[in-house]
């Protein structure tokens, strides 16, 4: 892991606070890590010749079935 030192305007620090800026930057970097992971997964799926739409349909159906069995078992037949 690399440490990055940034120069940030005092006005911005006064307006938002150092901790809030640090949290925002960390969330942004976490999001970018997720984007990179998603791109790698998509690339691997494409290279494997897997139908991405079918994968999503199956995952959505499994998630719905799981939700119904756990959360709606007393409501739905």
PDB file of N, CA and C in Angstrom:
ATOM      1  N   UNK A   1       0.845  -1.167   0.000  1.00  0.00           N
ATOM      2  CA  UNK A   1       0.000   0.000   0.000  1.00  0.00           C
ATOM      3  C   UNK A   1       0.893   1.233   0.000  1.00  0.00           C
ATOM      4  N   UNK A   2       0.409   2.270  -0.640  1.00  0.00           N
ATOM      5  CA  UNK A   2       1.163   3.511  -0.765  1.00  0.00           C
ATOM      6  C   UNK A   2       0.473   4.617   0.014  1.00  0.00           C
ATOM      7  N   UNK A   3       1.263   5.467   0.639  1.00  0.00           N
ATOM      8  CA  UNK A   3       0.736   6.639   1.332  1.00  0.00           C
ATOM      9  C   UNK A   3       0.882   7.831   0.408  1.00  0.00           C
ATOM     10  N   UNK A   4      -0.196   8.622   0.321  1.00  0.00           N
ATOM     11  CA  UNK A   4      -0.196   9.800  -0.542  1.00  0.00           C
ATOM     12  C   UNK A   4      -0.381  11.036   0.331  1.00  0.00           C
ATOM     13  N   UNK A   5       0.475  12.013   0.121  1.00  0.00           N
ATOM     14  CA  UNK A   5       0.346  13.293   0.814  1.00  0.00           C
ATOM     15  C   UNK A   5      -0.269  14.295  -0.151  1.00  0.00           C
ATOM     16  N   UNK A   6      -1.335  14.950   0.287  1.00  0.00           N
ATOM     17  CA  UNK A   6      -2.028  15.921  -0.555  1.00  0.00           C
ATOM     18  C   UNK A   6      -2.014  17.289   0.095  1.00  0.00           C
ATOM     19  N   UNK A   7      -1.914  18.310  -0.738  1.00  0.00           N
ATOM     20  CA  UNK A   7      -2.070  19.670  -0.240  1.00  0.00           C
ATOM     21  C   UNK A   7      -3.516  20.066  -0.490  1.00  0.00           C
ATOM     22  N   UNK A   8      -4.196  20.448   0.591  1.00  0.00           N
ATOM     23  CA  UNK A   8      -5.603  20.814   0.510  1.00  0.00           C
ATOM     24  C   UNK A   8      -5.749  22.225   1.054  1.00  0.00           C
ATOM     25  N   UNK A   9      -6.500  23.018   0.351  1.00  0.00           N
ATOM     26  CA  UNK A   9      -6.717  24.405   0.734  1.00  0.00           C
ATOM     27  C   UNK A   9      -7.266  24.501   2.157  1.00  0.00           C
ATOM     28  N   UNK A  10      -6.780  25.480   2.897  1.00  0.00           N
ATOM     29  CA  UNK A  10      -7.271  25.705   4.260  1.00  0.00           C
ATOM     30  C   UNK A  10      -8.767  26.019   4.261  1.00  0.00           C
ATOM     31  N   UNK A  11      -9.237  26.679   3.204  1.00  0.00           N
ATOM     32  CA  UNK A  11     -10.662  27.002   3.111  1.00  0.00           C
ATOM     33  C   UNK A  11     -11.507  25.726   3.079  1.00  0.00           C
ATOM     34  N   UNK A  12     -11.047  24.736   2.356  1.00  0.00           N
ATOM     35  CA  UNK A  12     -11.779  23.477   2.260  1.00  0.00           C
ATOM     36  C   UNK A  12     -11.753  22.753   3.603  1.00  0.00           C
ATOM     37  N   UNK A  13     -10.602  22.765   4.254  1.00  0.00           N
ATOM     38  CA  UNK A  13     -10.485  22.125   5.567  1.00  0.00           C
ATOM     39  C   UNK A  13     -11.422  22.808   6.564  1.00  0.00           C
ATOM     40  N   UNK A  14     -11.461  24.134   6.533  1.00  0.00           N
ATOM     41  CA  UNK A  14     -12.340  24.871   7.451  1.00  0.00           C
ATOM     42  C   UNK A  14     -13.808  24.596   7.139  1.00  0.00           C
ATOM     43  N   UNK A  15     -14.142  24.486   5.869  1.00  0.00           N
ATOM     44  CA  UNK A  15     -15.538  24.299   5.482  1.00  0.00           C
ATOM     45  C   UNK A  15     -16.060  22.906   5.831  1.00  0.00           C
ATOM     46  N   UNK A  16     -15.240  21.884   5.631  1.00  0.00           N
ATOM     47  CA  UNK A  16     -15.726  20.511   5.784  1.00  0.00           C
ATOM     48  C   UNK A  16     -15.114  19.770   6.973  1.00  0.00           C
ATOM     49  N   UNK A  17     -13.940  20.158   7.348  1.00  0.00           N
ATOM     50  CA  UNK A  17     -13.238  19.461   8.422  1.00  0.00           C
ATOM     51  C   UNK A  17     -12.348  18.363   7.851  1.00  0.00           C
ATOM     52  N   UNK A  18     -11.221  18.164   8.484  1.00  0.00           N
ATOM     53  CA  UNK A  18     -10.230  17.207   8.002  1.00  0.00           C
ATOM     54  C   UNK A  18     -10.774  15.782   8.006  1.00  0.00           C
ATOM     55  N   UNK A  19     -11.452  15.409   9.071  1.00  0.00           N
ATOM     56  CA  UNK A  19     -11.966  14.039   9.169  1.00  0.00           C
ATOM     57  C   UNK A  19     -12.991  13.742   8.064  1.00  0.00           C
ATOM     58  N   UNK A  20     -13.861  14.695   7.794  1.00  0.00           N
ATOM     59  CA  UNK A  20     -14.866  14.491   6.747  1.00  0.00           C
ATOM     60  C   UNK A  20     -14.211  14.345   5.375  1.00  0.00           C
ATOM     61  N   UNK A  21     -13.185  15.116   5.120  1.00  0.00           N
ATOM     62  CA  UNK A  21     -12.464  15.024   3.847  1.00  0.00           C
ATOM     63  C   UNK A  21     -11.769  13.671   3.741  1.00  0.00           C
ATOM     64  N   UNK A  22     -11.136  13.224   4.835  1.00  0.00           N
ATOM     65  CA  UNK A  22     -10.473  11.917   4.819  1.00  0.00           C
ATOM     66  C   UNK A  22     -11.479  10.804   4.544  1.00  0.00           C
ATOM     67  N   UNK A  23     -12.625  10.854   5.193  1.00  0.00           N
ATOM     68  CA  UNK A  23     -13.653   9.825   4.974  1.00  0.00           C
ATOM     69  C   UNK A  23     -14.139   9.836   3.532  1.00  0.00           C
ATOM     70  N   UNK A  24     -14.349  11.032   2.993  1.00  0.00           N
ATOM     71  CA  UNK A  24     -14.828  11.143   1.607  1.00  0.00           C
ATOM     72  C   UNK A  24     -13.808  10.568   0.622  1.00  0.00           C
ATOM     73  N   UNK A  25     -12.553  10.879   0.838  1.00  0.00           N
ATOM     74  CA  UNK A  25     -11.501  10.340  -0.031  1.00  0.00           C
ATOM     75  C   UNK A  25     -11.413   8.820   0.089  1.00  0.00           C
ATOM     76  N   UNK A  26     -11.536   8.305   1.297  1.00  0.00           N
ATOM     77  CA  UNK A  26     -11.485   6.853   1.487  1.00  0.00           C
ATOM     78  C   UNK A  26     -12.662   6.169   0.799  1.00  0.00           C
ATOM     79  N   UNK A  27     -13.868   6.744   0.908  1.00  0.00           N
ATOM     80  CA  UNK A  27     -15.032   6.169   0.219  1.00  0.00           C
ATOM     81  C   UNK A  27     -14.821   6.174  -1.287  1.00  0.00           C
ATOM     82  N   UNK A  28     -14.269   7.269  -1.801  1.00  0.00           N
ATOM     83  CA  UNK A  28     -13.998   7.361  -3.232  1.00  0.00           C
ATOM     84  C   UNK A  28     -13.015   6.275  -3.661  1.00  0.00           C
ATOM     85  N   UNK A  29     -11.951   6.084  -2.902  1.00  0.00           N
ATOM     86  CA  UNK A  29     -10.951   5.075  -3.248  1.00  0.00           C
ATOM     87  C   UNK A  29     -11.511   3.658  -3.116  1.00  0.00           C
ATOM     88  N   UNK A  30     -12.364   3.430  -2.133  1.00  0.00           N
ATOM     89  CA  UNK A  30     -13.015   2.126  -2.013  1.00  0.00           C
ATOM     90  C   UNK A  30     -13.902   1.866  -3.228  1.00  0.00           C
ATOM     91  N   UNK A  31     -14.628   2.900  -3.662  1.00  0.00           N
ATOM     92  CA  UNK A  31     -15.467   2.776  -4.853  1.00  0.00           C
ATOM     93  C   UNK A  31     -14.607   2.436  -6.076  1.00  0.00           C
ATOM     94  N   UNK A  32     -13.500   3.099  -6.230  1.00  0.00           N
ATOM     95  CA  UNK A  32     -12.617   2.831  -7.370  1.00  0.00           C
ATOM     96  C   UNK A  32     -12.090   1.399  -7.325  1.00  0.00           C
ATOM     97  N   UNK A  33     -11.808   0.880  -6.135  1.00  0.00           N
ATOM     98  CA  UNK A  33     -11.368  -0.507  -6.007  1.00  0.00           C
ATOM     99  C   UNK A  33     -12.480  -1.454  -6.470  1.00  0.00           C
ATOM    100  N   UNK A  34     -13.723  -1.141  -6.117  1.00  0.00           N
ATOM    101  CA  UNK A  34     -14.846  -1.955  -6.567  1.00  0.00           C
ATOM    102  C   UNK A  34     -15.009  -1.900  -8.082  1.00  0.00           C
ATOM    103  N   UNK A  35     -14.820  -0.726  -8.656  1.00  0.00           N
ATOM    104  CA  UNK A  35     -14.913  -0.582 -10.114  1.00  0.00           C
ATOM    105  C   UNK A  35     -13.863  -1.443 -10.799  1.00  0.00           C
ATOM    106  N   UNK A  36     -12.645  -1.421 -10.281  1.00  0.00           N
ATOM    107  CA  UNK A  36     -11.591  -2.256 -10.856  1.00  0.00           C
ATOM    108  C   UNK A  36     -11.934  -3.736 -10.751  1.00  0.00           C
ATOM    109  N   UNK A  37     -12.462  -4.146  -9.611  1.00  0.00           N
ATOM    110  CA  UNK A  37     -12.858  -5.544  -9.436  1.00  0.00           C
ATOM    111  C   UNK A  37     -13.962  -5.919 -10.411  1.00  0.00           C
ATOM    112  N   UNK A  38     -14.930  -5.047 -10.572  1.00  0.00           N
ATOM    113  CA  UNK A  38     -16.029  -5.316 -11.504  1.00  0.00           C
ATOM    114  C   UNK A  38     -15.516  -5.459 -12.932  1.00  0.00           C
ATOM    115  N   UNK A  39     -14.569  -4.628 -13.312  1.00  0.00           N
ATOM    116  CA  UNK A  39     -14.004  -4.719 -14.660  1.00  0.00           C
ATOM    117  C   UNK A  39     -13.268  -6.039 -14.861  1.00  0.00           C
ATOM    118  N   UNK A  40     -12.533  -6.469 -13.834  1.00  0.00           N
ATOM    119  CA  UNK A  40     -11.820  -7.749 -13.926  1.00  0.00           C
ATOM    120  C   UNK A  40     -12.803  -8.904 -14.050  1.00  0.00           C
ATOM    121  N   UNK A  41     -13.862  -8.865 -13.264  1.00  0.00           N
ATOM    122  CA  UNK A  41     -14.867  -9.924 -13.326  1.00  0.00           C
ATOM    123  C   UNK A  41     -15.531  -9.938 -14.692  1.00  0.00           C
ATOM    124  N   UNK A  42     -15.917  -8.767 -15.185  1.00  0.00           N
ATOM    125  CA  UNK A  42     -16.567  -8.689 -16.493  1.00  0.00           C
ATOM    126  C   UNK A  42     -15.650  -9.209 -17.589  1.00  0.00           C
ATOM    127  N   UNK A  43     -14.386  -8.889 -17.505  1.00  0.00           N
ATOM    128  CA  UNK A  43     -13.427  -9.368 -18.490  1.00  0.00           C
ATOM    129  C   UNK A  43     -13.319 -10.887 -18.452  1.00  0.00           C
ATOM    130  N   UNK A  44     -13.252 -11.449 -17.245  1.00  0.00           N
ATOM    131  CA  UNK A  44     -13.159 -12.903 -17.103  1.00  0.00           C
ATOM    132  C   UNK A  44     -14.422 -13.582 -17.608  1.00  0.00           C
ATOM    133  N   UNK A  45     -15.574 -13.000 -17.331  1.00  0.00           N
ATOM    134  CA  UNK A  45     -16.847 -13.551 -17.819  1.00  0.00           C
ATOM    135  C   UNK A  45     -16.875 -13.531 -19.339  1.00  0.00           C
ATOM    136  N   UNK A  46     -16.459 -12.431 -19.927  1.00  0.00           N
ATOM    137  CA  UNK A  46     -16.435 -12.325 -21.389  1.00  0.00           C
ATOM    138  C   UNK A  46     -15.472 -13.338 -22.009  1.00  0.00           C
ATOM    139  N   UNK A  47     -14.282 -13.467 -21.416  1.00  0.00           N
ATOM    140  CA  UNK A  47     -13.290 -14.403 -21.943  1.00  0.00           C
ATOM    141  C   UNK A  47     -13.762 -15.849 -21.835  1.00  0.00           C
ATOM    142  N   UNK A  48     -14.553 -16.139 -20.796  1.00  0.00           N
ATOM    143  CA  UNK A  48     -15.058 -17.498 -20.607  1.00  0.00           C
ATOM    144  C   UNK A  48     -16.252 -17.788 -21.515  1.00  0.00           C
ATOM    145  N   UNK A  49     -16.747 -16.760 -22.200  1.00  0.00           N
ATOM    146  CA  UNK A  49     -17.875 -16.952 -23.104  1.00  0.00           C
ATOM    147  C   UNK A  49     -19.192 -17.170 -22.380  1.00  0.00           C
ATOM    148  N   UNK A  50     -19.293 -16.672 -21.171  1.00  0.00           N
ATOM    149  CA  UNK A  50     -20.506 -16.839 -20.375  1.00  0.00           C
ATOM    150  C   UNK A  50     -21.495 -15.740 -20.738  1.00  0.00           C
ATOM    151  N   UNK A  51     -22.766 -16.105 -20.809  1.00  0.00           N
ATOM    152  CA  UNK A  51     -23.819 -15.139 -21.108  1.00  0.00           C
ATOM    153  C   UNK A  51     -24.109 -14.327 -19.849  1.00  0.00           C
ATOM    154  N   UNK A  52     -23.666 -13.087 -19.851  1.00  0.00           N
ATOM    155  CA  UNK A  52     -23.805 -12.222 -18.687  1.00  0.00           C
ATOM    156  C   UNK A  52     -25.265 -11.983 -18.318  1.00  0.00           C
ATOM    157  N   UNK A  53     -26.126 -11.812 -19.321  1.00  0.00           N
ATOM    158  CA  UNK A  53     -27.544 -11.596 -19.041  1.00  0.00           C
ATOM    159  C   UNK A  53     -28.157 -12.793 -18.331  1.00  0.00           C
ATOM    160  N   UNK A  54     -27.788 -13.979 -18.750  1.00  0.00           N
ATOM    161  CA  UNK A  54     -28.302 -15.184 -18.109  1.00  0.00           C
ATOM    162  C   UNK A  54     -27.798 -15.287 -16.669  1.00  0.00           C
ATOM    163  N   UNK A  55     -26.538 -14.940 -16.441  1.00  0.00           N
ATOM    164  CA  UNK A  55     -26.005 -14.938 -15.080  1.00  0.00           C
ATOM    165  C   UNK A  55     -26.821 -14.014 -14.178  1.00  0.00           C
ATOM    166  N   UNK A  56     -27.116 -12.804 -14.664  1.00  0.00           N
ATOM    167  CA  UNK A  56     -27.879 -11.853 -13.870  1.00  0.00           C
ATOM    168  C   UNK A  56     -29.295 -12.345 -13.616  1.00  0.00           C
ATOM    169  N   UNK A  57     -29.922 -12.947 -14.624  1.00  0.00           N
ATOM    170  CA  UNK A  57     -31.270 -13.484 -14.429  1.00  0.00           C
ATOM    171  C   UNK A  57     -31.273 -14.559 -13.349  1.00  0.00           C
ATOM    172  N   UNK A  58     -30.298 -15.463 -13.416  1.00  0.00           N
ATOM    173  CA  UNK A  58     -30.209 -16.532 -12.412  1.00  0.00           C
ATOM    174  C   UNK A  58     -29.941 -15.968 -11.019  1.00  0.00           C
ATOM    175  N   UNK A  59     -29.028 -15.022 -10.927  1.00  0.00           N
ATOM    176  CA  UNK A  59     -28.697 -14.422  -9.627  1.00  0.00           C
ATOM    177  C   UNK A  59     -29.901 -13.681  -9.054  1.00  0.00           C
ATOM    178  N   UNK A  60     -30.599 -12.936  -9.898  1.00  0.00           N
ATOM    179  CA  UNK A  60     -31.781 -12.205  -9.451  1.00  0.00           C
ATOM    180  C   UNK A  60     -32.864 -13.160  -8.950  1.00  0.00           C
ATOM    181  N   UNK A  61     -33.072 -14.263  -9.695  1.00  0.00           N
ATOM    182  CA  UNK A  61     -34.078 -15.239  -9.296  1.00  0.00           C
ATOM    183  C   UNK A  61     -33.703 -15.913  -7.972  1.00  0.00           C
ATOM    184  N   UNK A  62     -32.421 -16.281  -7.830  1.00  0.00           N
ATOM    185  CA  UNK A  62     -31.973 -16.902  -6.577  1.00  0.00           C
ATOM    186  C   UNK A  62     -32.132 -15.943  -5.401  1.00  0.00           C
ATOM    187  N   UNK A  63     -31.803 -14.673  -5.614  1.00  0.00           N
ATOM    188  CA  UNK A  63     -31.937 -13.678  -4.545  1.00  0.00           C
ATOM    189  C   UNK A  63     -33.406 -13.507  -4.167  1.00  0.00           C
ATOM    190  N   UNK A  64     -34.288 -13.469  -5.162  1.00  0.00           N
ATOM    191  CA  UNK A  64     -35.717 -13.324  -4.894  1.00  0.00           C
ATOM    192  C   UNK A  64     -36.249 -14.553  -4.155  1.00  0.00           C
ATOM    193  N   UNK A  65     -35.869 -15.730  -4.592  1.00  0.00           N
ATOM    194  CA  UNK A  65     -36.306 -16.957  -3.924  1.00  0.00           C
ATOM    195  C   UNK A  65     -35.825 -16.992  -2.474  1.00  0.00           C
ATOM    196  N   UNK A  66     -34.589 -16.581  -2.263  1.00  0.00           N
ATOM    197  CA  UNK A  66     -34.035 -16.536  -0.916  1.00  0.00           C
ATOM    198  C   UNK A  66     -34.790 -15.529  -0.054  1.00  0.00           C
ATOM    199  N   UNK A  67     -35.054 -14.357  -0.603  1.00  0.00           N
ATOM    200  CA  UNK A  67     -35.782 -13.323   0.131  1.00  0.00           C
ATOM    201  C   UNK A  67     -37.181 -13.817   0.493  1.00  0.00           C
ATOM    202  N   UNK A  68     -37.862 -14.425  -0.478  1.00  0.00           N
ATOM    203  CA  UNK A  68     -39.213 -14.926  -0.218  1.00  0.00           C
ATOM    204  C   UNK A  68     -39.208 -15.968   0.893  1.00  0.00           C
ATOM    205  N   UNK A  69     -38.245 -16.882   0.843  1.00  0.00           N
ATOM    206  CA  UNK A  69     -38.231 -17.961   1.831  1.00  0.00           C
ATOM    207  C   UNK A  69     -37.867 -17.457   3.225  1.00  0.00           C
ATOM    208  N   UNK A  70     -37.055 -16.387   3.304  1.00  0.00           N
ATOM    209  CA  UNK A  70     -36.650 -15.880   4.614  1.00  0.00           C
ATOM    210  C   UNK A  70     -37.575 -14.794   5.161  1.00  0.00           C
ATOM    211  N   UNK A  71     -38.019 -13.907   4.308  1.00  0.00           N
ATOM    212  CA  UNK A  71     -38.748 -12.715   4.779  1.00  0.00           C
ATOM    213  C   UNK A  71     -40.249 -12.785   4.558  1.00  0.00           C
ATOM    214  N   UNK A  72     -40.674 -13.555   3.566  1.00  0.00           N
ATOM    215  CA  UNK A  72     -42.094 -13.550   3.219  1.00  0.00           C
ATOM    216  C   UNK A  72     -42.759 -14.895   3.416  1.00  0.00           C
ATOM    217  N   UNK A  73     -42.121 -15.795   4.153  1.00  0.00           N
ATOM    218  CA  UNK A  73     -42.644 -17.151   4.298  1.00  0.00           C
ATOM    219  C   UNK A  73     -44.021 -17.184   4.967  1.00  0.00           C
ATOM    220  N   UNK A  74     -44.306 -16.206   5.830  1.00  0.00           N
ATOM    221  CA  UNK A  74     -45.600 -16.157   6.502  1.00  0.00           C
ATOM    222  C   UNK A  74     -46.653 -15.376   5.714  1.00  0.00           C
ATOM    223  N   UNK A  75     -46.222 -14.709   4.658  1.00  0.00           N
ATOM    224  CA  UNK A  75     -47.138 -13.857   3.881  1.00  0.00           C
ATOM    225  C   UNK A  75     -47.533 -14.520   2.570  1.00  0.00           C
ATOM    226  N   UNK A  76     -46.540 -15.038   1.836  1.00  0.00           N
ATOM    227  CA  UNK A  76     -46.814 -15.639   0.529  1.00  0.00           C
ATOM    228  C   UNK A  76     -47.024 -17.140   0.683  1.00  0.00           C
ATOM    229  N   UNK A  77     -47.841 -17.712  -0.204  1.00  0.00           N
ATOM    230  CA  UNK A  77     -48.051 -19.169  -0.146  1.00  0.00           C
ATOM    231  C   UNK A  77     -46.837 -19.947  -0.589  1.00  0.00           C
TER     232      UNK A  77
END
